[in-house]
Amino acid sequence: MTAHDEEGTAVIEFVWLAILLLVPLLYVVLTVFETQRAAYAASAAARSAGRAFVTSPDQASAYSRAQAAARLAYADQGLTDAPRVEITCRPVPRDCLTPGSVVRAEVRSSVDLPLLPAVFGSQTPAIRLQADHQAPYGTFREERP
């Protein structure tokens, strides 16, 4: 073979190699960005839910305020799925707004992997996320109903 016989194949090989390497790399980058966006949303939602619960005027409205704050944090990141918010309190589980108590807000959600269809009729592959935040009510605050 001479150099004249292989003329022009380097461009074709370069294009195919670039396609074979860039497409998976772009998919990995896209997946990391989507997961990071959802992780930021979960972290912000847990913090916002805990703070909204602690600053509410009464315990009856505290749960709905925490859920609304978590949904708003997700909407800020462009996510439409509502996260699952779970509120627990220490030391007395039923009295969250008593002086000295600590409110723990836990947010759970999942982010679907981009560009992947449902496999065998099940759900699309997803990454589960969880974030929590502990908000102290404060020892020297007045007790709320």
N, C-alpha and C. Protein backbone atom coordinates (compact mmCIF):
# COMPACT_ATOMS: atom_id res chain seq x y z
N MET A 1 0.84 -1.18 0.00
CA MET A 1 0.00 0.00 0.00
C MET A 1 0.87 1.23 0.00
N THR A 2 0.43 2.17 -0.69
CA THR A 2 1.16 3.43 -0.74
C THR A 2 0.35 4.50 -0.03
N ALA A 3 0.98 5.63 0.18
CA ALA A 3 0.30 6.76 0.80
C ALA A 3 -0.86 7.23 -0.04
N HIS A 4 -0.78 7.02 -1.35
CA HIS A 4 -1.83 7.45 -2.25
C HIS A 4 -3.10 6.61 -2.07
N ASP A 5 -2.97 5.32 -1.68
CA ASP A 5 -4.12 4.44 -1.51
C ASP A 5 -4.95 4.79 -0.27
N GLU A 6 -4.32 5.36 0.76
CA GLU A 6 -5.01 5.67 2.01
C GLU A 6 -5.40 7.14 2.10
N GLU A 7 -5.43 7.82 1.03
CA GLU A 7 -5.73 9.25 1.03
C GLU A 7 -7.18 9.50 1.45
N GLY A 8 -7.38 10.38 2.44
CA GLY A 8 -8.72 10.78 2.86
C GLY A 8 -9.33 9.94 3.96
N THR A 9 -8.73 8.87 4.42
CA THR A 9 -9.35 8.05 5.45
C THR A 9 -9.15 8.62 6.85
N ALA A 10 -8.19 9.47 7.05
CA ALA A 10 -7.96 10.05 8.38
C ALA A 10 -9.13 10.91 8.83
N VAL A 11 -9.73 11.63 7.93
CA VAL A 11 -10.88 12.47 8.28
C VAL A 11 -12.06 11.60 8.69
N ILE A 12 -12.30 10.53 7.97
CA ILE A 12 -13.41 9.64 8.29
C ILE A 12 -13.17 8.97 9.64
N GLU A 13 -11.97 8.50 9.88
CA GLU A 13 -11.65 7.87 11.16
C GLU A 13 -11.78 8.86 12.31
N PHE A 14 -11.35 10.09 12.10
CA PHE A 14 -11.46 11.11 13.14
C PHE A 14 -12.91 11.41 13.47
N VAL A 15 -13.75 11.53 12.46
CA VAL A 15 -15.16 11.83 12.68
C VAL A 15 -15.84 10.69 13.45
N TRP A 16 -15.61 9.45 13.05
CA TRP A 16 -16.22 8.33 13.75
C TRP A 16 -15.70 8.21 15.18
N LEU A 17 -14.44 8.42 15.39
CA LEU A 17 -13.88 8.37 16.74
C LEU A 17 -14.46 9.49 17.60
N ALA A 18 -14.59 10.66 17.03
CA ALA A 18 -15.17 11.79 17.78
C ALA A 18 -16.62 11.49 18.16
N ILE A 19 -17.38 10.92 17.24
CA ILE A 19 -18.78 10.59 17.54
C ILE A 19 -18.85 9.52 18.63
N LEU A 20 -18.03 8.50 18.51
CA LEU A 20 -18.06 7.41 19.49
C LEU A 20 -17.61 7.85 20.88
N LEU A 21 -16.77 8.86 20.97
CA LEU A 21 -16.32 9.33 22.27
C LEU A 21 -17.17 10.48 22.81
N LEU A 22 -17.64 11.36 21.96
CA LEU A 22 -18.36 12.53 22.42
C LEU A 22 -19.79 12.23 22.86
N VAL A 23 -20.47 11.34 22.19
CA VAL A 23 -21.86 11.05 22.55
C VAL A 23 -21.95 10.49 23.97
N PRO A 24 -21.19 9.48 24.35
CA PRO A 24 -21.26 9.02 25.75
C PRO A 24 -20.79 10.08 26.75
N LEU A 25 -19.79 10.85 26.38
CA LEU A 25 -19.31 11.90 27.28
C LEU A 25 -20.39 12.96 27.50
N LEU A 26 -21.07 13.35 26.45
CA LEU A 26 -22.15 14.33 26.59
C LEU A 26 -23.30 13.78 27.43
N TYR A 27 -23.59 12.49 27.29
CA TYR A 27 -24.65 11.89 28.10
C TYR A 27 -24.26 11.88 29.58
N VAL A 28 -23.03 11.55 29.88
CA VAL A 28 -22.58 11.54 31.27
C VAL A 28 -22.65 12.95 31.85
N VAL A 29 -22.21 13.94 31.10
CA VAL A 29 -22.26 15.32 31.58
C VAL A 29 -23.70 15.76 31.80
N LEU A 30 -24.60 15.43 30.89
CA LEU A 30 -26.00 15.79 31.04
C LEU A 30 -26.61 15.12 32.27
N THR A 31 -26.29 13.87 32.50
CA THR A 31 -26.79 13.15 33.67
C THR A 31 -26.27 13.76 34.96
N VAL A 32 -25.00 14.12 35.00
CA VAL A 32 -24.43 14.74 36.19
C VAL A 32 -25.09 16.09 36.47
N PHE A 33 -25.32 16.87 35.43
CA PHE A 33 -25.96 18.18 35.62
C PHE A 33 -27.39 18.03 36.15
N GLU A 34 -28.15 17.10 35.61
CA GLU A 34 -29.52 16.88 36.08
C GLU A 34 -29.54 16.41 37.53
N THR A 35 -28.64 15.50 37.87
CA THR A 35 -28.57 14.99 39.23
C THR A 35 -28.14 16.09 40.20
N GLN A 36 -27.19 16.89 39.81
CA GLN A 36 -26.73 17.98 40.67
C GLN A 36 -27.82 19.02 40.88
N ARG A 37 -28.58 19.31 39.84
CA ARG A 37 -29.68 20.27 39.97
C ARG A 37 -30.72 19.75 40.96
N ALA A 38 -31.05 18.47 40.87
CA ALA A 38 -32.01 17.88 41.79
C ALA A 38 -31.46 17.80 43.21
N ALA A 39 -30.15 17.57 43.35
CA ALA A 39 -29.54 17.54 44.68
C ALA A 39 -29.57 18.92 45.33
N TYR A 40 -29.29 19.95 44.56
CA TYR A 40 -29.40 21.32 45.08
C TYR A 40 -30.84 21.62 45.50
N ALA A 41 -31.79 21.19 44.70
CA ALA A 41 -33.20 21.42 45.02
C ALA A 41 -33.59 20.70 46.30
N ALA A 42 -33.14 19.47 46.47
CA ALA A 42 -33.47 18.71 47.68
C ALA A 42 -32.86 19.36 48.92
N SER A 43 -31.63 19.81 48.82
CA SER A 43 -30.98 20.47 49.95
C SER A 43 -31.69 21.77 50.32
N ALA A 44 -32.01 22.57 49.32
CA ALA A 44 -32.71 23.83 49.57
C ALA A 44 -34.12 23.58 50.09
N ALA A 45 -34.77 22.54 49.61
CA ALA A 45 -36.12 22.22 50.06
C ALA A 45 -36.13 21.79 51.52
N ALA A 46 -35.15 20.99 51.93
CA ALA A 46 -35.09 20.56 53.32
C ALA A 46 -34.85 21.76 54.24
N ARG A 47 -33.95 22.62 53.85
CA ARG A 47 -33.65 23.81 54.66
C ARG A 47 -34.88 24.72 54.74
N SER A 48 -35.52 24.96 53.61
CA SER A 48 -36.69 25.84 53.57
C SER A 48 -37.86 25.24 54.35
N ALA A 49 -38.06 23.94 54.23
CA ALA A 49 -39.16 23.30 54.95
C ALA A 49 -38.95 23.37 56.45
N GLY A 50 -37.72 23.13 56.90
CA GLY A 50 -37.44 23.23 58.33
C GLY A 50 -37.65 24.63 58.87
N ARG A 51 -37.16 25.61 58.14
CA ARG A 51 -37.31 27.00 58.58
C ARG A 51 -38.77 27.45 58.52
N ALA A 52 -39.51 27.02 57.51
CA ALA A 52 -40.92 27.40 57.40
C ALA A 52 -41.73 26.77 58.54
N PHE A 53 -41.38 25.56 58.91
CA PHE A 53 -42.08 24.89 60.00
C PHE A 53 -41.84 25.62 61.31
N VAL A 54 -40.60 25.96 61.59
CA VAL A 54 -40.24 26.59 62.86
C VAL A 54 -40.82 28.01 62.98
N THR A 55 -40.94 28.71 61.88
CA THR A 55 -41.43 30.09 61.93
C THR A 55 -42.94 30.21 61.76
N SER A 56 -43.65 29.10 61.68
CA SER A 56 -45.10 29.17 61.50
C SER A 56 -45.77 29.57 62.81
N PRO A 57 -46.95 30.20 62.73
CA PRO A 57 -47.61 30.67 63.94
C PRO A 57 -48.19 29.56 64.80
N ASP A 58 -48.58 28.44 64.20
CA ASP A 58 -49.11 27.32 64.97
C ASP A 58 -48.76 26.02 64.27
N GLN A 59 -48.91 24.94 65.01
CA GLN A 59 -48.50 23.64 64.48
C GLN A 59 -49.45 23.13 63.40
N ALA A 60 -50.70 23.59 63.43
CA ALA A 60 -51.67 23.13 62.42
C ALA A 60 -51.28 23.59 61.02
N SER A 61 -50.79 24.81 60.90
CA SER A 61 -50.40 25.32 59.58
C SER A 61 -48.94 25.04 59.24
N ALA A 62 -48.18 24.54 60.20
CA ALA A 62 -46.74 24.35 59.99
C ALA A 62 -46.45 23.31 58.92
N TYR A 63 -47.21 22.23 58.89
CA TYR A 63 -46.95 21.17 57.91
C TYR A 63 -47.22 21.64 56.48
N SER A 64 -48.31 22.37 56.30
CA SER A 64 -48.60 22.86 54.95
C SER A 64 -47.60 23.92 54.52
N ARG A 65 -47.13 24.73 55.46
CA ARG A 65 -46.10 25.72 55.12
C ARG A 65 -44.79 25.05 54.74
N ALA A 66 -44.44 23.99 55.43
CA ALA A 66 -43.21 23.26 55.11
C ALA A 66 -43.30 22.62 53.73
N GLN A 67 -44.45 22.04 53.41
CA GLN A 67 -44.64 21.43 52.09
C GLN A 67 -44.59 22.49 50.99
N ALA A 68 -45.21 23.64 51.23
CA ALA A 68 -45.20 24.71 50.23
C ALA A 68 -43.79 25.26 50.03
N ALA A 69 -43.02 25.38 51.09
CA ALA A 69 -41.65 25.86 50.97
C ALA A 69 -40.79 24.88 50.18
N ALA A 70 -41.00 23.59 50.39
CA ALA A 70 -40.24 22.58 49.64
C ALA A 70 -40.61 22.61 48.16
N ARG A 71 -41.89 22.75 47.86
CA ARG A 71 -42.31 22.84 46.45
C ARG A 71 -41.73 24.08 45.78
N LEU A 72 -41.66 25.18 46.51
CA LEU A 72 -41.09 26.41 45.96
C LEU A 72 -39.60 26.25 45.67
N ALA A 73 -38.89 25.56 46.56
CA ALA A 73 -37.46 25.32 46.33
C ALA A 73 -37.24 24.45 45.09
N TYR A 74 -38.11 23.49 44.88
CA TYR A 74 -38.01 22.66 43.67
C TYR A 74 -38.35 23.46 42.43
N ALA A 75 -39.34 24.32 42.53
CA ALA A 75 -39.72 25.14 41.38
C ALA A 75 -38.60 26.12 41.02
N ASP A 76 -37.85 26.59 42.01
CA ASP A 76 -36.72 27.48 41.73
C ASP A 76 -35.66 26.80 40.87
N GLN A 77 -35.54 25.49 40.97
CA GLN A 77 -34.57 24.75 40.16
C GLN A 77 -35.19 24.22 38.86
N GLY A 78 -36.44 24.55 38.62
CA GLY A 78 -37.09 24.12 37.39
C GLY A 78 -37.63 22.70 37.44
N LEU A 79 -37.82 22.15 38.61
CA LEU A 79 -38.34 20.79 38.75
C LEU A 79 -39.82 20.85 39.07
N THR A 80 -40.60 20.03 38.41
CA THR A 80 -42.05 20.06 38.58
C THR A 80 -42.56 19.00 39.55
N ASP A 81 -41.79 17.96 39.80
CA ASP A 81 -42.23 16.91 40.71
C ASP A 81 -42.22 17.42 42.14
N ALA A 82 -43.29 17.12 42.87
CA ALA A 82 -43.36 17.53 44.27
C ALA A 82 -42.54 16.57 45.13
N PRO A 83 -41.68 17.09 45.98
CA PRO A 83 -40.88 16.21 46.84
C PRO A 83 -41.72 15.68 48.00
N ARG A 84 -41.29 14.58 48.58
CA ARG A 84 -41.92 14.05 49.78
C ARG A 84 -41.21 14.67 50.98
N VAL A 85 -41.97 15.35 51.83
CA VAL A 85 -41.42 16.02 53.00
C VAL A 85 -41.91 15.30 54.24
N GLU A 86 -40.99 14.96 55.11
CA GLU A 86 -41.34 14.32 56.38
C GLU A 86 -40.75 15.15 57.50
N ILE A 87 -41.60 15.52 58.46
CA ILE A 87 -41.18 16.34 59.59
C ILE A 87 -41.21 15.48 60.85
N THR A 88 -40.11 15.49 61.58
CA THR A 88 -40.05 14.83 62.88
C THR A 88 -39.52 15.83 63.91
N CYS A 89 -39.91 15.62 65.15
CA CYS A 89 -39.54 16.56 66.21
C CYS A 89 -38.93 15.82 67.39
N ARG A 90 -38.01 16.49 68.04
CA ARG A 90 -37.39 16.00 69.27
C ARG A 90 -37.51 17.09 70.32
N PRO A 91 -37.59 16.86 71.53
CA PRO A 91 -37.68 15.60 72.24
C PRO A 91 -39.10 15.04 72.30
N VAL A 92 -40.12 15.87 72.10
CA VAL A 92 -41.50 15.40 72.14
C VAL A 92 -42.05 15.40 70.71
N PRO A 93 -42.35 14.24 70.14
CA PRO A 93 -42.75 14.18 68.73
C PRO A 93 -44.03 14.96 68.40
N ARG A 94 -44.96 15.07 69.34
CA ARG A 94 -46.22 15.75 69.03
C ARG A 94 -46.17 17.25 69.29
N ASP A 95 -45.21 17.71 70.07
CA ASP A 95 -45.09 19.14 70.40
C ASP A 95 -43.85 19.70 69.73
N CYS A 96 -43.99 20.10 68.48
CA CYS A 96 -42.83 20.59 67.74
C CYS A 96 -42.48 22.03 68.06
N LEU A 97 -43.48 22.81 68.42
CA LEU A 97 -43.24 24.24 68.63
C LEU A 97 -43.17 24.59 70.11
N THR A 98 -42.47 23.76 70.87
CA THR A 98 -42.20 24.08 72.27
C THR A 98 -40.75 24.51 72.40
N PRO A 99 -40.45 25.38 73.35
CA PRO A 99 -39.06 25.84 73.51
C PRO A 99 -38.10 24.67 73.74
N GLY A 100 -36.99 24.71 73.02
CA GLY A 100 -35.97 23.69 73.15
C GLY A 100 -36.12 22.52 72.20
N SER A 101 -37.19 22.48 71.43
CA SER A 101 -37.37 21.35 70.51
C SER A 101 -36.55 21.57 69.24
N VAL A 102 -36.30 20.47 68.55
CA VAL A 102 -35.56 20.49 67.29
C VAL A 102 -36.43 19.84 66.23
N VAL A 103 -36.64 20.54 65.14
CA VAL A 103 -37.46 20.05 64.04
C VAL A 103 -36.53 19.54 62.94
N ARG A 104 -36.76 18.31 62.51
CA ARG A 104 -35.95 17.72 61.43
C ARG A 104 -36.84 17.56 60.20
N ALA A 105 -36.44 18.22 59.13
CA ALA A 105 -37.17 18.12 57.86
C ALA A 105 -36.37 17.23 56.92
N GLU A 106 -37.00 16.19 56.44
CA GLU A 106 -36.35 15.26 55.51
C GLU A 106 -37.10 15.29 54.18
N VAL A 107 -36.36 15.51 53.11
CA VAL A 107 -36.94 15.59 51.77
C VAL A 107 -36.41 14.43 50.94
N ARG A 108 -37.33 13.73 50.29
CA ARG A 108 -36.95 12.62 49.41
C ARG A 108 -37.57 12.85 48.04
N SER A 109 -36.78 12.57 47.03
CA SER A 109 -37.28 12.67 45.66
C SER A 109 -36.41 11.81 44.76
N SER A 110 -36.73 11.81 43.50
CA SER A 110 -35.91 11.08 42.54
C SER A 110 -35.86 11.88 41.25
N VAL A 111 -34.78 11.69 40.52
CA VAL A 111 -34.61 12.35 39.23
C VAL A 111 -34.44 11.27 38.17
N ASP A 112 -35.25 11.38 37.13
CA ASP A 112 -35.17 10.41 36.03
C ASP A 112 -33.89 10.63 35.24
N LEU A 113 -33.28 9.54 34.83
CA LEU A 113 -32.10 9.65 33.98
C LEU A 113 -32.54 10.17 32.61
N PRO A 114 -31.86 11.16 32.09
CA PRO A 114 -32.31 11.76 30.83
C PRO A 114 -32.18 10.81 29.64
N LEU A 115 -33.11 10.93 28.73
CA LEU A 115 -33.11 10.22 27.44
C LEU A 115 -33.20 8.70 27.55
N LEU A 116 -33.63 8.19 28.69
CA LEU A 116 -33.80 6.74 28.83
C LEU A 116 -35.28 6.41 28.93
N PRO A 117 -35.78 5.49 28.14
CA PRO A 117 -37.19 5.12 28.21
C PRO A 117 -37.44 4.15 29.36
N ALA A 118 -38.71 3.89 29.59
CA ALA A 118 -39.06 2.88 30.58
C ALA A 118 -38.60 1.52 30.09
N VAL A 119 -38.03 0.74 30.99
CA VAL A 119 -37.48 -0.56 30.63
C VAL A 119 -38.49 -1.65 30.97
N PHE A 120 -38.86 -2.44 29.98
CA PHE A 120 -39.76 -3.58 30.15
C PHE A 120 -41.09 -3.18 30.80
N GLY A 121 -41.61 -2.02 30.44
CA GLY A 121 -42.90 -1.59 30.95
C GLY A 121 -42.88 -1.03 32.35
N SER A 122 -41.73 -0.92 32.96
CA SER A 122 -41.66 -0.37 34.31
C SER A 122 -41.37 1.13 34.24
N GLN A 123 -41.01 1.68 35.36
CA GLN A 123 -40.70 3.11 35.41
C GLN A 123 -39.37 3.39 34.74
N THR A 124 -39.17 4.66 34.40
CA THR A 124 -37.88 5.05 33.83
C THR A 124 -36.81 4.96 34.91
N PRO A 125 -35.59 4.64 34.55
CA PRO A 125 -34.51 4.57 35.54
C PRO A 125 -34.32 5.93 36.21
N ALA A 126 -34.14 5.91 37.51
CA ALA A 126 -34.03 7.16 38.27
C ALA A 126 -32.98 7.05 39.36
N ILE A 127 -32.53 8.20 39.80
CA ILE A 127 -31.59 8.29 40.92
C ILE A 127 -32.36 8.87 42.10
N ARG A 128 -32.32 8.20 43.24
CA ARG A 128 -33.02 8.67 44.43
C ARG A 128 -32.16 9.67 45.19
N LEU A 129 -32.81 10.70 45.69
CA LEU A 129 -32.12 11.74 46.44
C LEU A 129 -32.79 11.94 47.79
N GLN A 130 -31.99 12.30 48.78
CA GLN A 130 -32.51 12.58 50.11
C GLN A 130 -31.68 13.70 50.72
N ALA A 131 -32.35 14.60 51.40
CA ALA A 131 -31.67 15.67 52.12
C ALA A 131 -32.43 15.92 53.41
N ASP A 132 -31.72 16.31 54.45
CA ASP A 132 -32.40 16.64 55.70
C ASP A 132 -31.76 17.89 56.31
N HIS A 133 -32.55 18.53 57.15
CA HIS A 133 -32.11 19.75 57.83
C HIS A 133 -32.74 19.76 59.21
N GLN A 134 -31.96 20.13 60.21
CA GLN A 134 -32.47 20.25 61.56
C GLN A 134 -32.55 21.72 61.93
N ALA A 135 -33.73 22.15 62.32
CA ALA A 135 -33.96 23.54 62.69
C ALA A 135 -34.35 23.60 64.16
N PRO A 136 -33.55 24.23 65.00
CA PRO A 136 -33.91 24.35 66.42
C PRO A 136 -35.01 25.39 66.60
N TYR A 137 -35.94 25.09 67.48
CA TYR A 137 -36.99 26.06 67.76
C TYR A 137 -36.47 27.15 68.69
N GLY A 138 -35.56 26.84 69.54
CA GLY A 138 -34.99 27.86 70.43
C GLY A 138 -35.48 27.67 71.85
N THR A 139 -34.57 27.81 72.78
CA THR A 139 -34.89 27.60 74.19
C THR A 139 -35.66 28.77 74.78
N PHE A 140 -35.40 29.97 74.33
CA PHE A 140 -35.98 31.15 74.95
C PHE A 140 -37.10 31.77 74.12
N ARG A 141 -37.78 30.97 73.33
CA ARG A 141 -38.93 31.45 72.56
C ARG A 141 -40.20 31.09 73.28
N GLU A 142 -41.27 31.80 72.96
CA GLU A 142 -42.53 31.48 73.61
C GLU A 142 -43.14 30.23 72.98
N GLU A 143 -43.89 29.51 73.79
CA GLU A 143 -44.53 28.29 73.32
C GLU A 143 -45.72 28.67 72.44
N ARG A 144 -45.89 27.95 71.34
CA ARG A 144 -46.99 28.23 70.41
C ARG A 144 -48.00 27.10 70.48
N PRO A 145 -49.25 27.40 70.14
CA PRO A 145 -50.30 26.36 70.22
C PRO A 145 -50.15 25.28 69.18
